[in-house]
PDB file of N, CA and C in Angstrom:
ATOM      1  N   MET A   1       0.744  -0.888   0.067  1.00  0.00           N
ATOM      2  CA  MET A   1       0.074  -0.039   0.006  1.00  0.00           C
ATOM      3  C   MET A   1       0.852   1.328   0.134  1.00  0.00           C
ATOM      4  N   ASN A   2       0.606   2.113  -1.057  1.00  0.00           N
ATOM      5  CA  ASN A   2       1.604   3.244  -1.049  1.00  0.00           C
ATOM      6  C   ASN A   2       1.031   4.235  -0.191  1.00  0.00           C
ATOM      7  N   ASP A   3       1.767   5.606  -0.413  1.00  0.00           N
ATOM      8  CA  ASP A   3       1.319   6.636   0.527  1.00  0.00           C
ATOM      9  C   ASP A   3      -0.190   7.323   0.107  1.00  0.00           C
ATOM     10  N   ARG A   4      -0.270   7.270  -1.344  1.00  0.00           N
ATOM     11  CA  ARG A   4      -1.659   7.545  -1.994  1.00  0.00           C
ATOM     12  C   ARG A   4      -2.757   6.588  -1.576  1.00  0.00           C
ATOM     13  N   ASP A   5      -2.550   5.522  -1.596  1.00  0.00           N
ATOM     14  CA  ASP A   5      -3.708   4.717  -1.258  1.00  0.00           C
ATOM     15  C   ASP A   5      -3.988   4.857   0.569  1.00  0.00           C
ATOM     16  N   VAL A   6      -3.116   4.887   1.357  1.00  0.00           N
ATOM     17  CA  VAL A   6      -3.180   5.161   2.703  1.00  0.00           C
ATOM     18  C   VAL A   6      -3.896   6.527   2.968  1.00  0.00           C
ATOM     19  N   TYR A   7      -3.640   7.684   2.004  1.00  0.00           N
ATOM     20  CA  TYR A   7      -4.330   8.853   2.262  1.00  0.00           C
ATOM     21  C   TYR A   7      -5.808   8.498   1.881  1.00  0.00           C
ATOM     22  N   LEU A   8      -5.961   7.896   0.753  1.00  0.00           N
ATOM     23  CA  LEU A   8      -7.284   7.518   0.263  1.00  0.00           C
ATOM     24  C   LEU A   8      -8.357   6.833   1.387  1.00  0.00           C
ATOM     25  N   LYS A   9      -7.468   5.796   1.904  1.00  0.00           N
ATOM     26  CA  LYS A   9      -8.363   5.034   3.069  1.00  0.00           C
ATOM     27  C   LYS A   9      -8.585   5.861   4.000  1.00  0.00           C
ATOM     28  N   LEU A  10      -7.477   6.475   4.748  1.00  0.00           N
ATOM     29  CA  LEU A  10      -7.893   7.505   5.668  1.00  0.00           C
ATOM     30  C   LEU A  10      -8.931   8.618   5.464  1.00  0.00           C
ATOM     31  N   ALA A  11      -8.996   8.913   4.342  1.00  0.00           N
ATOM     32  CA  ALA A  11     -10.021  10.225   3.937  1.00  0.00           C
ATOM     33  C   ALA A  11     -11.823   9.489   4.320  1.00  0.00           C
ATOM     34  N   ALA A  12     -11.374   8.003   3.540  1.00  0.00           N
ATOM     35  CA  ALA A  12     -12.515   7.436   3.458  1.00  0.00           C
ATOM     36  C   ALA A  12     -13.212   7.226   5.070  1.00  0.00           C
ATOM     37  N   VAL A  13     -12.135   6.744   5.945  1.00  0.00           N
ATOM     38  CA  VAL A  13     -12.633   6.490   7.056  1.00  0.00           C
ATOM     39  C   VAL A  13     -13.088   7.702   7.948  1.00  0.00           C
ATOM     40  N   ALA A  14     -12.611   8.820   7.483  1.00  0.00           N
ATOM     41  CA  ALA A  14     -12.962  10.169   8.392  1.00  0.00           C
ATOM     42  C   ALA A  14     -14.300  10.165   7.798  1.00  0.00           C
ATOM     43  N   GLU A  15     -14.572  10.268   6.486  1.00  0.00           N
ATOM     44  CA  GLU A  15     -16.084  10.461   6.019  1.00  0.00           C
ATOM     45  C   GLU A  15     -16.844   9.479   6.708  1.00  0.00           C
ATOM     46  N   GLU A  16     -16.584   8.297   6.579  1.00  0.00           N
ATOM     47  CA  GLU A  16     -17.822   7.350   7.159  1.00  0.00           C
ATOM     48  C   GLU A  16     -17.781   7.664   8.656  1.00  0.00           C
ATOM     49  N   LEU A  17     -16.831   7.818   9.706  1.00  0.00           N
ATOM     50  CA  LEU A  17     -17.094   8.251  10.993  1.00  0.00           C
ATOM     51  C   LEU A  17     -18.019   9.537  11.267  1.00  0.00           C
ATOM     52  N   MET A  18     -17.746  10.410  10.245  1.00  0.00           N
ATOM     53  CA  MET A  18     -18.481  11.773  10.268  1.00  0.00           C
ATOM     54  C   MET A  18     -19.849  11.374   9.815  1.00  0.00           C
ATOM     55  N   ALA A  19     -20.063  10.467   9.115  1.00  0.00           N
ATOM     56  CA  ALA A  19     -21.724  10.178   8.386  1.00  0.00           C
ATOM     57  C   ALA A  19     -22.263   9.299   9.607  1.00  0.00           C
ATOM     58  N   LEU A  20     -21.531   8.780  10.076  1.00  0.00           N
ATOM     59  CA  LEU A  20     -22.009   7.800  11.574  1.00  0.00           C
ATOM     60  C   LEU A  20     -22.270   8.911  12.792  1.00  0.00           C
ATOM     61  N   SER A  21     -21.667   9.993  12.809  1.00  0.00           N
ATOM     62  CA  SER A  21     -21.916  10.858  14.040  1.00  0.00           C
ATOM     63  C   SER A  21     -23.230  11.139  13.808  1.00  0.00           C
ATOM     64  N   ASP A  22     -23.710  11.571  12.669  1.00  0.00           N
ATOM     65  CA  ASP A  22     -25.069  11.913  12.681  1.00  0.00           C
ATOM     66  C   ASP A  22     -26.399  11.085  12.956  1.00  0.00           C
ATOM     67  N   ALA A  23     -25.718   9.794  13.169  1.00  0.00           N
ATOM     68  CA  ALA A  23     -26.804   8.788  13.456  1.00  0.00           C
ATOM     69  C   ALA A  23     -26.387   8.187  15.265  1.00  0.00           C
ATOM     70  N   ALA A  24     -25.888   9.110  15.709  1.00  0.00           N
ATOM     71  CA  ALA A  24     -25.254   8.779  17.252  1.00  0.00           C
ATOM     72  C   ALA A  24     -26.434   9.076  17.775  1.00  0.00           C
ATOM     73  N   GLU A  25     -26.683   8.305  18.820  1.00  0.00           N
ATOM     74  CA  GLU A  25     -27.743   8.477  19.597  1.00  0.00           C
ATOM     75  C   GLU A  25     -27.828   9.187  20.891  1.00  0.00           C
ATOM     76  N   THR A  26     -26.364   9.932  21.147  1.00  0.00           N
ATOM     77  CA  THR A  26     -26.215  10.491  22.411  1.00  0.00           C
ATOM     78  C   THR A  26     -25.012  11.465  21.822  1.00  0.00           C
ATOM     79  N   TYR A  27     -25.030  12.581  22.696  1.00  0.00           N
ATOM     80  CA  TYR A  27     -23.974  13.614  22.581  1.00  0.00           C
ATOM     81  C   TYR A  27     -22.832  13.248  22.358  1.00  0.00           C
ATOM     82  N   VAL A  28     -22.374  12.363  23.798  1.00  0.00           N
ATOM     83  CA  VAL A  28     -21.190  11.865  23.735  1.00  0.00           C
ATOM     84  C   VAL A  28     -20.856  10.929  22.737  1.00  0.00           C
ATOM     85  N   GLY A  29     -21.697   9.925  21.990  1.00  0.00           N
ATOM     86  CA  GLY A  29     -21.330   9.095  20.962  1.00  0.00           C
ATOM     87  C   GLY A  29     -20.970  10.181  19.731  1.00  0.00           C
ATOM     88  N   GLU A  30     -21.816  11.041  19.717  1.00  0.00           N
ATOM     89  CA  GLU A  30     -21.550  12.270  18.480  1.00  0.00           C
ATOM     90  C   GLU A  30     -20.207  12.787  18.459  1.00  0.00           C
ATOM     91  N   THR A  31     -19.949  13.381  19.898  1.00  0.00           N
ATOM     92  CA  THR A  31     -18.654  13.907  19.937  1.00  0.00           C
ATOM     93  C   THR A  31     -17.486  13.205  19.667  1.00  0.00           C
ATOM     94  N   ALA A  32     -17.590  11.722  20.115  1.00  0.00           N
ATOM     95  CA  ALA A  32     -16.422  10.699  20.203  1.00  0.00           C
ATOM     96  C   ALA A  32     -16.217  10.458  18.379  1.00  0.00           C
ATOM     97  N   LEU A  33     -17.353  10.301  17.523  1.00  0.00           N
ATOM     98  CA  LEU A  33     -17.251   9.725  16.552  1.00  0.00           C
ATOM     99  C   LEU A  33     -16.772  11.223  15.623  1.00  0.00           C
ATOM    100  N   ARG A  34     -17.196  12.335  16.066  1.00  0.00           N
ATOM    101  CA  ARG A  34     -16.570  13.407  15.298  1.00  0.00           C
ATOM    102  C   ARG A  34     -15.253  13.961  15.657  1.00  0.00           C
ATOM    103  N   THR A  35     -14.866  13.569  16.893  1.00  0.00           N
ATOM    104  CA  THR A  35     -13.325  14.128  17.351  1.00  0.00           C
ATOM    105  C   THR A  35     -12.408  12.807  16.768  1.00  0.00           C
ATOM    106  N   ALA A  36     -12.875  11.499  16.499  1.00  0.00           N
ATOM    107  CA  ALA A  36     -12.211  10.636  15.704  1.00  0.00           C
ATOM    108  C   ALA A  36     -12.213  10.865  14.112  1.00  0.00           C
ATOM    109  N   ALA A  37     -12.999  11.236  13.434  1.00  0.00           N
ATOM    110  CA  ALA A  37     -13.094  11.841  12.092  1.00  0.00           C
ATOM    111  C   ALA A  37     -12.194  13.042  12.057  1.00  0.00           C
ATOM    112  N   SER A  38     -12.156  14.024  12.854  1.00  0.00           N
ATOM    113  CA  SER A  38     -11.140  15.134  12.855  1.00  0.00           C
ATOM    114  C   SER A  38      -9.685  14.574  12.811  1.00  0.00           C
ATOM    115  N   THR A  39      -9.530  13.747  13.783  1.00  0.00           N
ATOM    116  CA  THR A  39      -8.156  13.546  14.073  1.00  0.00           C
ATOM    117  C   THR A  39      -7.666  12.653  12.810  1.00  0.00           C
ATOM    118  N   ILE A  40      -8.475  11.718  12.400  1.00  0.00           N
ATOM    119  CA  ILE A  40      -8.052  10.782  10.986  1.00  0.00           C
ATOM    120  C   ILE A  40      -7.995  11.739   9.788  1.00  0.00           C
ATOM    121  N   ALA A  41      -8.740  12.868   9.974  1.00  0.00           N
ATOM    122  CA  ALA A  41      -8.705  13.694   9.031  1.00  0.00           C
ATOM    123  C   ALA A  41      -7.299  14.351   8.650  1.00  0.00           C
ATOM    124  N   GLY A  42      -6.974  14.697   9.933  1.00  0.00           N
ATOM    125  CA  GLY A  42      -5.801  15.772  10.008  1.00  0.00           C
ATOM    126  C   GLY A  42      -4.753  14.660   9.609  1.00  0.00           C
ATOM    127  N   THR A  43      -4.586  13.212  10.058  1.00  0.00           N
ATOM    128  CA  THR A  43      -3.621  12.285   9.534  1.00  0.00           C
ATOM    129  C   THR A  43      -3.540  12.417   7.976  1.00  0.00           C
ATOM    130  N   ALA A  44      -4.958  12.070   7.657  1.00  0.00           N
ATOM    131  CA  ALA A  44      -4.928  11.910   6.142  1.00  0.00           C
ATOM    132  C   ALA A  44      -4.245  13.069   5.614  1.00  0.00           C
ATOM    133  N   LYS A  45      -4.851  14.269   5.896  1.00  0.00           N
ATOM    134  CA  LYS A  45      -4.119  15.686   5.403  1.00  0.00           C
ATOM    135  C   LYS A  45      -2.646  15.494   5.426  1.00  0.00           C
ATOM    136  N   ALA A  46      -1.769  15.398   6.478  1.00  0.00           N
ATOM    137  CA  ALA A  46      -0.482  15.135   6.465  1.00  0.00           C
ATOM    138  C   ALA A  46      -0.036  14.133   5.605  1.00  0.00           C
ATOM    139  N   VAL A  47      -0.469  13.079   5.432  1.00  0.00           N
ATOM    140  CA  VAL A  47      -0.173  11.954   4.243  1.00  0.00           C
ATOM    141  C   VAL A  47      -0.071  12.618   2.930  1.00  0.00           C
ATOM    142  N   TYR A  48      -1.253  13.556   2.717  1.00  0.00           N
ATOM    143  CA  TYR A  48      -1.488  13.959   1.215  1.00  0.00           C
ATOM    144  C   TYR A  48      -0.315  15.044   1.191  1.00  0.00           C
ATOM    145  N   GLU A  49      -0.172  15.923   2.094  1.00  0.00           N
ATOM    146  CA  GLU A  49       0.683  16.913   1.648  1.00  0.00           C
ATOM    147  C   GLU A  49       2.257  16.293   1.805  1.00  0.00           C
ATOM    148  N   HIS A  50       2.489  15.306   2.483  1.00  0.00           N
ATOM    149  CA  HIS A  50       3.751  14.483   2.308  1.00  0.00           C
ATOM    150  C   HIS A  50       3.779  14.263   0.724  1.00  0.00           C
ATOM    151  N   VAL A  51       2.508  13.384   0.402  1.00  0.00           N
ATOM    152  CA  VAL A  51       2.762  12.974  -1.198  1.00  0.00           C
ATOM    153  C   VAL A  51       2.677  13.955  -2.134  1.00  0.00           C
ATOM    154  N   MET A  52       2.441  15.072  -1.954  1.00  0.00           N
ATOM    155  CA  MET A  52       2.417  16.193  -2.822  1.00  0.00           C
ATOM    156  C   MET A  52       3.975  16.740  -2.880  1.00  0.00           C
ATOM    157  N   ASP A  53       4.210  17.040  -1.835  1.00  0.00           N
ATOM    158  CA  ASP A  53       5.643  17.629  -1.304  1.00  0.00           C
ATOM    159  C   ASP A  53       6.588  16.418  -2.005  1.00  0.00           C
ATOM    160  N   SER A  54       6.579  14.909  -2.068  1.00  0.00           N
ATOM    161  CA  SER A  54       7.395  14.137  -2.624  1.00  0.00           C
ATOM    162  C   SER A  54       7.228  14.466  -4.156  1.00  0.00           C
ATOM    163  N   ASP A  55       6.078  14.303  -4.576  1.00  0.00           N
ATOM    164  CA  ASP A  55       5.610  14.383  -6.127  1.00  0.00           C
ATOM    165  C   ASP A  55       6.509  15.798  -6.488  1.00  0.00           C
ATOM    166  N   SER A  56       6.495  16.781  -6.067  1.00  0.00           N
ATOM    167  CA  SER A  56       7.179  18.073  -6.561  1.00  0.00           C
ATOM    168  C   SER A  56       8.654  18.113  -6.345  1.00  0.00           C
ATOM    169  N   THR A  57       9.371  17.354  -5.612  1.00  0.00           N
ATOM    170  CA  THR A  57      10.733  17.295  -5.599  1.00  0.00           C
ATOM    171  C   THR A  57      11.502  15.981  -6.367  1.00  0.00           C
ATOM    172  N   HIS A  58      10.417  15.382  -6.723  1.00  0.00           N
ATOM    173  CA  HIS A  58      10.886  14.195  -7.641  1.00  0.00           C
ATOM    174  C   HIS A  58      10.612  14.682  -9.312  1.00  0.00           C
TER     175      HIS A  58
END
């Protein structure tokens, strides 16, 4: 699995968690899912930036 694939998978997981947060039955569940989505989205962004930086240096 290359870095681009990692980025795509993380982005998809973040989107799924955000969608699940809309169906959460409690504020705690919603907040937990949104926090996890945000964290994973941030990680995906870091991978994306690494990929883009690597592409521009080659």
